[in-house]
Amino acid sequence: MNWDRIEGNWKQLKGRVTEQWGKLTDDDFDVVNGRREQLAGKIQERYGVAKDEAERQVTEWERRAGDDWFDKATKRPTDKV
């Protein structure tokens, strides 16, 4: 997945991130603001994992997300599926 797309649609995608990392707070999301490095840092902080583990988790989430998921997650209620 293109991380620029995540950053550009961060508000719509926060729910998906929350599903994966429920310990992240609204303040954490404001700091992350769609930026990959900040997300990994907040995962490190909240879950007490090493930097390489946080990076691995973000990479895995990114891989699973894929473009189909991205398109569905950002559709407006008036869009046709």
PDB file of N, CA and C in Angstrom:
ATOM      1  N   MET A   1       0.843  -1.179   0.000  1.00  0.00           N
ATOM      2  CA  MET A   1       0.000   0.000   0.000  1.00  0.00           C
ATOM      3  C   MET A   1       0.879   1.229   0.000  1.00  0.00           C
ATOM      4  N   ASN A   2       0.439   2.234  -0.658  1.00  0.00           N
ATOM      5  CA  ASN A   2       1.153   3.492  -0.722  1.00  0.00           C
ATOM      6  C   ASN A   2       0.886   4.276   0.561  1.00  0.00           C
ATOM      7  N   TRP A   3       1.945   4.528   1.340  1.00  0.00           N
ATOM      8  CA  TRP A   3       1.761   5.205   2.624  1.00  0.00           C
ATOM      9  C   TRP A   3       1.240   6.633   2.438  1.00  0.00           C
ATOM     10  N   ASP A   4       1.502   7.257   1.311  1.00  0.00           N
ATOM     11  CA  ASP A   4       0.950   8.591   1.040  1.00  0.00           C
ATOM     12  C   ASP A   4      -0.577   8.558   1.053  1.00  0.00           C
ATOM     13  N   ARG A   5      -1.147   7.469   0.586  1.00  0.00           N
ATOM     14  CA  ARG A   5      -2.605   7.320   0.595  1.00  0.00           C
ATOM     15  C   ARG A   5      -3.121   7.212   2.025  1.00  0.00           C
ATOM     16  N   ILE A   6      -2.381   6.521   2.868  1.00  0.00           N
ATOM     17  CA  ILE A   6      -2.773   6.404   4.272  1.00  0.00           C
ATOM     18  C   ILE A   6      -2.723   7.774   4.928  1.00  0.00           C
ATOM     19  N   GLU A   7      -1.631   8.466   4.734  1.00  0.00           N
ATOM     20  CA  GLU A   7      -1.472   9.783   5.341  1.00  0.00           C
ATOM     21  C   GLU A   7      -2.572  10.741   4.877  1.00  0.00           C
ATOM     22  N   GLY A   8      -2.886  10.698   3.612  1.00  0.00           N
ATOM     23  CA  GLY A   8      -3.894  11.596   3.059  1.00  0.00           C
ATOM     24  C   GLY A   8      -5.309  11.299   3.525  1.00  0.00           C
ATOM     25  N   ASN A   9      -5.550  10.079   3.968  1.00  0.00           N
ATOM     26  CA  ASN A   9      -6.893   9.675   4.400  1.00  0.00           C
ATOM     27  C   ASN A   9      -6.890   9.194   5.850  1.00  0.00           C
ATOM     28  N   TRP A  10      -6.000   9.749   6.639  1.00  0.00           N
ATOM     29  CA  TRP A  10      -5.788   9.290   8.013  1.00  0.00           C
ATOM     30  C   TRP A  10      -7.073   9.285   8.834  1.00  0.00           C
ATOM     31  N   LYS A  11      -7.883  10.316   8.732  1.00  0.00           N
ATOM     32  CA  LYS A  11      -9.103  10.392   9.544  1.00  0.00           C
ATOM     33  C   LYS A  11     -10.033   9.224   9.251  1.00  0.00           C
ATOM     34  N   GLN A  12     -10.147   8.833   7.997  1.00  0.00           N
ATOM     35  CA  GLN A  12     -11.013   7.720   7.629  1.00  0.00           C
ATOM     36  C   GLN A  12     -10.422   6.376   8.055  1.00  0.00           C
ATOM     37  N   LEU A  13      -9.117   6.302   8.151  1.00  0.00           N
ATOM     38  CA  LEU A  13      -8.457   5.018   8.411  1.00  0.00           C
ATOM     39  C   LEU A  13      -8.157   4.767   9.880  1.00  0.00           C
ATOM     40  N   LYS A  14      -8.355   5.747  10.735  1.00  0.00           N
ATOM     41  CA  LYS A  14      -8.031   5.581  12.157  1.00  0.00           C
ATOM     42  C   LYS A  14      -8.755   4.390  12.778  1.00  0.00           C
ATOM     43  N   GLY A  15      -9.963   4.131  12.345  1.00  0.00           N
ATOM     44  CA  GLY A  15     -10.714   2.990  12.879  1.00  0.00           C
ATOM     45  C   GLY A  15     -10.014   1.675  12.620  1.00  0.00           C
ATOM     46  N   ARG A  16      -9.447   1.536  11.437  1.00  0.00           N
ATOM     47  CA  ARG A  16      -8.719   0.312  11.097  1.00  0.00           C
ATOM     48  C   ARG A  16      -7.457   0.160  11.938  1.00  0.00           C
ATOM     49  N   VAL A  17      -6.807   1.272  12.196  1.00  0.00           N
ATOM     50  CA  VAL A  17      -5.602   1.243  13.025  1.00  0.00           C
ATOM     51  C   VAL A  17      -5.988   0.892  14.460  1.00  0.00           C
ATOM     52  N   THR A  18      -7.111   1.429  14.922  1.00  0.00           N
ATOM     53  CA  THR A  18      -7.590   1.136  16.272  1.00  0.00           C
ATOM     54  C   THR A  18      -7.911  -0.340  16.431  1.00  0.00           C
ATOM     55  N   GLU A  19      -8.439  -0.973  15.392  1.00  0.00           N
ATOM     56  CA  GLU A  19      -8.718  -2.410  15.444  1.00  0.00           C
ATOM     57  C   GLU A  19      -7.444  -3.197  15.712  1.00  0.00           C
ATOM     58  N   GLN A  20      -6.349  -2.758  15.143  1.00  0.00           N
ATOM     59  CA  GLN A  20      -5.064  -3.453  15.285  1.00  0.00           C
ATOM     60  C   GLN A  20      -4.369  -3.087  16.598  1.00  0.00           C
ATOM     61  N   TRP A  21      -4.383  -1.802  16.939  1.00  0.00           N
ATOM     62  CA  TRP A  21      -3.649  -1.317  18.108  1.00  0.00           C
ATOM     63  C   TRP A  21      -4.582  -0.509  18.994  1.00  0.00           C
ATOM     64  N   GLY A  22      -5.412  -1.199  19.760  1.00  0.00           N
ATOM     65  CA  GLY A  22      -6.442  -0.581  20.577  1.00  0.00           C
ATOM     66  C   GLY A  22      -5.940   0.272  21.725  1.00  0.00           C
ATOM     67  N   LYS A  23      -4.678   0.133  22.091  1.00  0.00           N
ATOM     68  CA  LYS A  23      -4.132   0.934  23.189  1.00  0.00           C
ATOM     69  C   LYS A  23      -3.779   2.364  22.764  1.00  0.00           C
ATOM     70  N   LEU A  24      -3.779   2.627  21.482  1.00  0.00           N
ATOM     71  CA  LEU A  24      -3.466   3.976  21.016  1.00  0.00           C
ATOM     72  C   LEU A  24      -4.617   4.913  21.348  1.00  0.00           C
ATOM     73  N   THR A  25      -4.288   6.092  21.808  1.00  0.00           N
ATOM     74  CA  THR A  25      -5.292   7.069  22.230  1.00  0.00           C
ATOM     75  C   THR A  25      -5.567   8.079  21.119  1.00  0.00           C
ATOM     76  N   ASP A  26      -6.606   8.883  21.325  1.00  0.00           N
ATOM     77  CA  ASP A  26      -6.894   9.955  20.365  1.00  0.00           C
ATOM     78  C   ASP A  26      -5.714  10.913  20.259  1.00  0.00           C
ATOM     79  N   ASP A  27      -5.066  11.195  21.386  1.00  0.00           N
ATOM     80  CA  ASP A  27      -3.876  12.056  21.351  1.00  0.00           C
ATOM     81  C   ASP A  27      -2.769  11.419  20.516  1.00  0.00           C
ATOM     82  N   ASP A  28      -2.600  10.097  20.645  1.00  0.00           N
ATOM     83  CA  ASP A  28      -1.605   9.390  19.834  1.00  0.00           C
ATOM     84  C   ASP A  28      -1.922   9.565  18.354  1.00  0.00           C
ATOM     85  N   PHE A  29      -3.201   9.415  17.996  1.00  0.00           N
ATOM     86  CA  PHE A  29      -3.590   9.561  16.592  1.00  0.00           C
ATOM     87  C   PHE A  29      -3.315  10.960  16.086  1.00  0.00           C
ATOM     88  N   ASP A  30      -3.523  11.962  16.938  1.00  0.00           N
ATOM     89  CA  ASP A  30      -3.231  13.338  16.540  1.00  0.00           C
ATOM     90  C   ASP A  30      -1.741  13.527  16.276  1.00  0.00           C
ATOM     91  N   VAL A  31      -0.900  12.910  17.093  1.00  0.00           N
ATOM     92  CA  VAL A  31       0.552  13.005  16.912  1.00  0.00           C
ATOM     93  C   VAL A  31       0.972  12.253  15.644  1.00  0.00           C
ATOM     94  N   VAL A  32       0.442  11.062  15.464  1.00  0.00           N
ATOM     95  CA  VAL A  32       0.808  10.234  14.309  1.00  0.00           C
ATOM     96  C   VAL A  32       0.387  10.932  13.018  1.00  0.00           C
ATOM     97  N   ASN A  33      -0.864  11.360  12.964  1.00  0.00           N
ATOM     98  CA  ASN A  33      -1.393  12.083  11.811  1.00  0.00           C
ATOM     99  C   ASN A  33      -1.029  11.430  10.475  1.00  0.00           C
ATOM    100  N   GLY A  34      -1.077  10.101  10.449  1.00  0.00           N
ATOM    101  CA  GLY A  34      -0.841   9.368   9.211  1.00  0.00           C
ATOM    102  C   GLY A  34       0.612   9.097   8.884  1.00  0.00           C
ATOM    103  N   ARG A  35       1.529   9.493   9.741  1.00  0.00           N
ATOM    104  CA  ARG A  35       2.954   9.305   9.449  1.00  0.00           C
ATOM    105  C   ARG A  35       3.430   7.970  10.006  1.00  0.00           C
ATOM    106  N   ARG A  36       4.044   7.196   9.163  1.00  0.00           N
ATOM    107  CA  ARG A  36       4.446   5.830   9.478  1.00  0.00           C
ATOM    108  C   ARG A  36       5.418   5.762  10.660  1.00  0.00           C
ATOM    109  N   GLU A  37       6.438   6.576  10.644  1.00  0.00           N
ATOM    110  CA  GLU A  37       7.445   6.533  11.713  1.00  0.00           C
ATOM    111  C   GLU A  37       6.837   6.865  13.069  1.00  0.00           C
ATOM    112  N   GLN A  38       5.929   7.834  13.102  1.00  0.00           N
ATOM    113  CA  GLN A  38       5.288   8.197  14.357  1.00  0.00           C
ATOM    114  C   GLN A  38       4.369   7.075  14.840  1.00  0.00           C
ATOM    115  N   LEU A  39       3.715   6.389  13.905  1.00  0.00           N
ATOM    116  CA  LEU A  39       2.876   5.251  14.284  1.00  0.00           C
ATOM    117  C   LEU A  39       3.725   4.169  14.936  1.00  0.00           C
ATOM    118  N   ALA A  40       4.829   3.836  14.316  1.00  0.00           N
ATOM    119  CA  ALA A  40       5.712   2.823  14.889  1.00  0.00           C
ATOM    120  C   ALA A  40       6.208   3.252  16.274  1.00  0.00           C
ATOM    121  N   GLY A  41       6.524   4.525  16.424  1.00  0.00           N
ATOM    122  CA  GLY A  41       6.978   5.033  17.713  1.00  0.00           C
ATOM    123  C   GLY A  41       5.913   4.929  18.788  1.00  0.00           C
ATOM    124  N   LYS A  42       4.671   5.235  18.447  1.00  0.00           N
ATOM    125  CA  LYS A  42       3.582   5.133  19.421  1.00  0.00           C
ATOM    126  C   LYS A  42       3.290   3.677  19.777  1.00  0.00           C
ATOM    127  N   ILE A  43       3.429   2.783  18.819  1.00  0.00           N
ATOM    128  CA  ILE A  43       3.263   1.350  19.105  1.00  0.00           C
ATOM    129  C   ILE A  43       4.342   0.904  20.090  1.00  0.00           C
ATOM    130  N   GLN A  44       5.563   1.330  19.849  1.00  0.00           N
ATOM    131  CA  GLN A  44       6.665   1.041  20.769  1.00  0.00           C
ATOM    132  C   GLN A  44       6.312   1.493  22.178  1.00  0.00           C
ATOM    133  N   GLU A  45       5.878   2.727  22.272  1.00  0.00           N
ATOM    134  CA  GLU A  45       5.594   3.349  23.558  1.00  0.00           C
ATOM    135  C   GLU A  45       4.435   2.660  24.284  1.00  0.00           C
ATOM    136  N   ARG A  46       3.321   2.458  23.606  1.00  0.00           N
ATOM    137  CA  ARG A  46       2.118   1.909  24.250  1.00  0.00           C
ATOM    138  C   ARG A  46       2.220   0.420  24.544  1.00  0.00           C
ATOM    139  N   TYR A  47       2.931  -0.318  23.691  1.00  0.00           N
ATOM    140  CA  TYR A  47       2.982  -1.767  23.845  1.00  0.00           C
ATOM    141  C   TYR A  47       4.299  -2.260  24.432  1.00  0.00           C
ATOM    142  N   GLY A  48       5.242  -1.362  24.640  1.00  0.00           N
ATOM    143  CA  GLY A  48       6.519  -1.749  25.238  1.00  0.00           C
ATOM    144  C   GLY A  48       7.312  -2.728  24.396  1.00  0.00           C
ATOM    145  N   VAL A  49       7.285  -2.524  23.092  1.00  0.00           N
ATOM    146  CA  VAL A  49       8.039  -3.400  22.196  1.00  0.00           C
ATOM    147  C   VAL A  49       9.236  -2.649  21.629  1.00  0.00           C
ATOM    148  N   ALA A  50      10.194  -3.399  21.131  1.00  0.00           N
ATOM    149  CA  ALA A  50      11.386  -2.805  20.515  1.00  0.00           C
ATOM    150  C   ALA A  50      11.023  -2.153  19.183  1.00  0.00           C
ATOM    151  N   LYS A  51      11.892  -1.265  18.744  1.00  0.00           N
ATOM    152  CA  LYS A  51      11.658  -0.537  17.491  1.00  0.00           C
ATOM    153  C   LYS A  51      11.474  -1.490  16.319  1.00  0.00           C
ATOM    154  N   ASP A  52      12.307  -2.518  16.223  1.00  0.00           N
ATOM    155  CA  ASP A  52      12.193  -3.443  15.096  1.00  0.00           C
ATOM    156  C   ASP A  52      10.878  -4.213  15.129  1.00  0.00           C
ATOM    157  N   GLU A  53      10.368  -4.514  16.320  1.00  0.00           N
ATOM    158  CA  GLU A  53       9.079  -5.202  16.428  1.00  0.00           C
ATOM    159  C   GLU A  53       7.938  -4.270  16.017  1.00  0.00           C
ATOM    160  N   ALA A  54       7.986  -3.028  16.441  1.00  0.00           N
ATOM    161  CA  ALA A  54       6.963  -2.064  16.050  1.00  0.00           C
ATOM    162  C   ALA A  54       6.965  -1.879  14.533  1.00  0.00           C
ATOM    163  N   GLU A  55       8.145  -1.773  13.947  1.00  0.00           N
ATOM    164  CA  GLU A  55       8.266  -1.642  12.490  1.00  0.00           C
ATOM    165  C   GLU A  55       7.706  -2.874  11.791  1.00  0.00           C
ATOM    166  N   ARG A  56       7.981  -4.043  12.335  1.00  0.00           N
ATOM    167  CA  ARG A  56       7.474  -5.295  11.759  1.00  0.00           C
ATOM    168  C   ARG A  56       5.945  -5.310  11.779  1.00  0.00           C
ATOM    169  N   GLN A  57       5.363  -4.871  12.894  1.00  0.00           N
ATOM    170  CA  GLN A  57       3.909  -4.845  13.004  1.00  0.00           C
ATOM    171  C   GLN A  57       3.290  -3.883  11.988  1.00  0.00           C
ATOM    172  N   VAL A  58       3.883  -2.720  11.834  1.00  0.00           N
ATOM    173  CA  VAL A  58       3.362  -1.748  10.867  1.00  0.00           C
ATOM    174  C   VAL A  58       3.485  -2.297   9.449  1.00  0.00           C
ATOM    175  N   THR A  59       4.597  -2.917   9.143  1.00  0.00           N
ATOM    176  CA  THR A  59       4.801  -3.502   7.812  1.00  0.00           C
ATOM    177  C   THR A  59       3.776  -4.593   7.547  1.00  0.00           C
ATOM    178  N   GLU A  60       3.521  -5.428   8.543  1.00  0.00           N
ATOM    179  CA  GLU A  60       2.537  -6.505   8.396  1.00  0.00           C
ATOM    180  C   GLU A  60       1.133  -5.926   8.201  1.00  0.00           C
ATOM    181  N   TRP A  61       0.782  -4.914   8.969  1.00  0.00           N
ATOM    182  CA  TRP A  61      -0.522  -4.265   8.836  1.00  0.00           C
ATOM    183  C   TRP A  61      -0.665  -3.665   7.432  1.00  0.00           C
ATOM    184  N   GLU A  62       0.394  -3.017   7.007  1.00  0.00           N
ATOM    185  CA  GLU A  62       0.437  -2.406   5.676  1.00  0.00           C
ATOM    186  C   GLU A  62       0.217  -3.459   4.589  1.00  0.00           C
ATOM    187  N   ARG A  63       0.886  -4.594   4.722  1.00  0.00           N
ATOM    188  CA  ARG A  63       0.788  -5.682   3.743  1.00  0.00           C
ATOM    189  C   ARG A  63      -0.630  -6.240   3.687  1.00  0.00           C
ATOM    190  N   ARG A  64      -1.230  -6.433   4.853  1.00  0.00           N
ATOM    191  CA  ARG A  64      -2.585  -6.979   4.910  1.00  0.00           C
ATOM    192  C   ARG A  64      -3.624  -5.980   4.407  1.00  0.00           C
ATOM    193  N   ALA A  65      -3.360  -4.710   4.582  1.00  0.00           N
ATOM    194  CA  ALA A  65      -4.335  -3.682   4.234  1.00  0.00           C
ATOM    195  C   ALA A  65      -4.651  -3.708   2.740  1.00  0.00           C
ATOM    196  N   GLY A  66      -3.650  -3.650   1.908  1.00  0.00           N
ATOM    197  CA  GLY A  66      -3.854  -3.729   0.464  1.00  0.00           C
ATOM    198  C   GLY A  66      -4.767  -2.651  -0.090  1.00  0.00           C
ATOM    199  N   ASP A  67      -4.771  -2.509  -1.376  1.00  0.00           N
ATOM    200  CA  ASP A  67      -5.556  -1.460  -2.030  1.00  0.00           C
ATOM    201  C   ASP A  67      -7.054  -1.717  -1.956  1.00  0.00           C
ATOM    202  N   ASP A  68      -7.507  -2.984  -2.039  1.00  0.00           N
ATOM    203  CA  ASP A  68      -8.945  -3.257  -1.965  1.00  0.00           C
ATOM    204  C   ASP A  68      -9.504  -2.789  -0.628  1.00  0.00           C
ATOM    205  N   TRP A  69      -8.814  -3.128   0.443  1.00  0.00           N
ATOM    206  CA  TRP A  69      -9.243  -2.704   1.774  1.00  0.00           C
ATOM    207  C   TRP A  69      -9.248  -1.190   1.859  1.00  0.00           C
ATOM    208  N   PHE A  70      -8.202  -0.569   1.330  1.00  0.00           N
ATOM    209  CA  PHE A  70      -8.097   0.887   1.376  1.00  0.00           C
ATOM    210  C   PHE A  70      -9.282   1.535   0.670  1.00  0.00           C
ATOM    211  N   ASP A  71      -9.601   1.046  -0.502  1.00  0.00           N
ATOM    212  CA  ASP A  71     -10.706   1.621  -1.257  1.00  0.00           C
ATOM    213  C   ASP A  71     -12.023   1.489  -0.496  1.00  0.00           C
ATOM    214  N   LYS A  72     -12.272   0.334   0.121  1.00  0.00           N
ATOM    215  CA  LYS A  72     -13.501   0.128   0.893  1.00  0.00           C
ATOM    216  C   LYS A  72     -13.527   1.005   2.128  1.00  0.00           C
ATOM    217  N   ALA A  73     -12.398   1.164   2.793  1.00  0.00           N
ATOM    218  CA  ALA A  73     -12.338   1.922   4.045  1.00  0.00           C
ATOM    219  C   ALA A  73     -12.577   3.405   3.828  1.00  0.00           C
ATOM    220  N   THR A  74     -12.288   3.904   2.642  1.00  0.00           N
ATOM    221  CA  THR A  74     -12.402   5.340   2.410  1.00  0.00           C
ATOM    222  C   THR A  74     -13.632   5.721   1.584  1.00  0.00           C
ATOM    223  N   LYS A  75     -14.479   4.760   1.248  1.00  0.00           N
ATOM    224  CA  LYS A  75     -15.701   5.081   0.492  1.00  0.00           C
ATOM    225  C   LYS A  75     -16.651   5.871   1.383  1.00  0.00           C
ATOM    226  N   ARG A  76     -17.279   6.866   0.781  1.00  0.00           N
ATOM    227  CA  ARG A  76     -18.311   7.627   1.483  1.00  0.00           C
ATOM    228  C   ARG A  76     -19.627   6.864   1.374  1.00  0.00           C
ATOM    229  N   PRO A  77     -20.562   7.089   2.301  1.00  0.00           N
ATOM    230  CA  PRO A  77     -21.842   6.375   2.258  1.00  0.00           C
ATOM    231  C   PRO A  77     -22.578   6.533   0.928  1.00  0.00           C
ATOM    232  N   THR A  78     -22.349   7.612   0.215  1.00  0.00           N
ATOM    233  CA  THR A  78     -23.041   7.824  -1.066  1.00  0.00           C
ATOM    234  C   THR A  78     -22.344   7.142  -2.234  1.00  0.00           C
ATOM    235  N   ASP A  79     -21.121   6.637  -2.011  1.00  0.00           N
ATOM    236  CA  ASP A  79     -20.388   5.951  -3.087  1.00  0.00           C
ATOM    237  C   ASP A  79     -20.998   4.568  -3.320  1.00  0.00           C
ATOM    238  N   LYS A  80     -20.965   4.126  -4.576  1.00  0.00           N
ATOM    239  CA  LYS A  80     -21.406   2.776  -4.886  1.00  0.00           C
ATOM    240  C   LYS A  80     -20.227   1.836  -4.795  1.00  0.00           C
ATOM    241  N   VAL A  81     -20.475   0.655  -4.238  1.00  0.00           N
ATOM    242  CA  VAL A  81     -19.397  -0.339  -4.077  1.00  0.00           C
ATOM    243  C   VAL A  81     -19.293  -1.187  -5.289  1.00  0.00           C
TER     244      VAL A  81
END
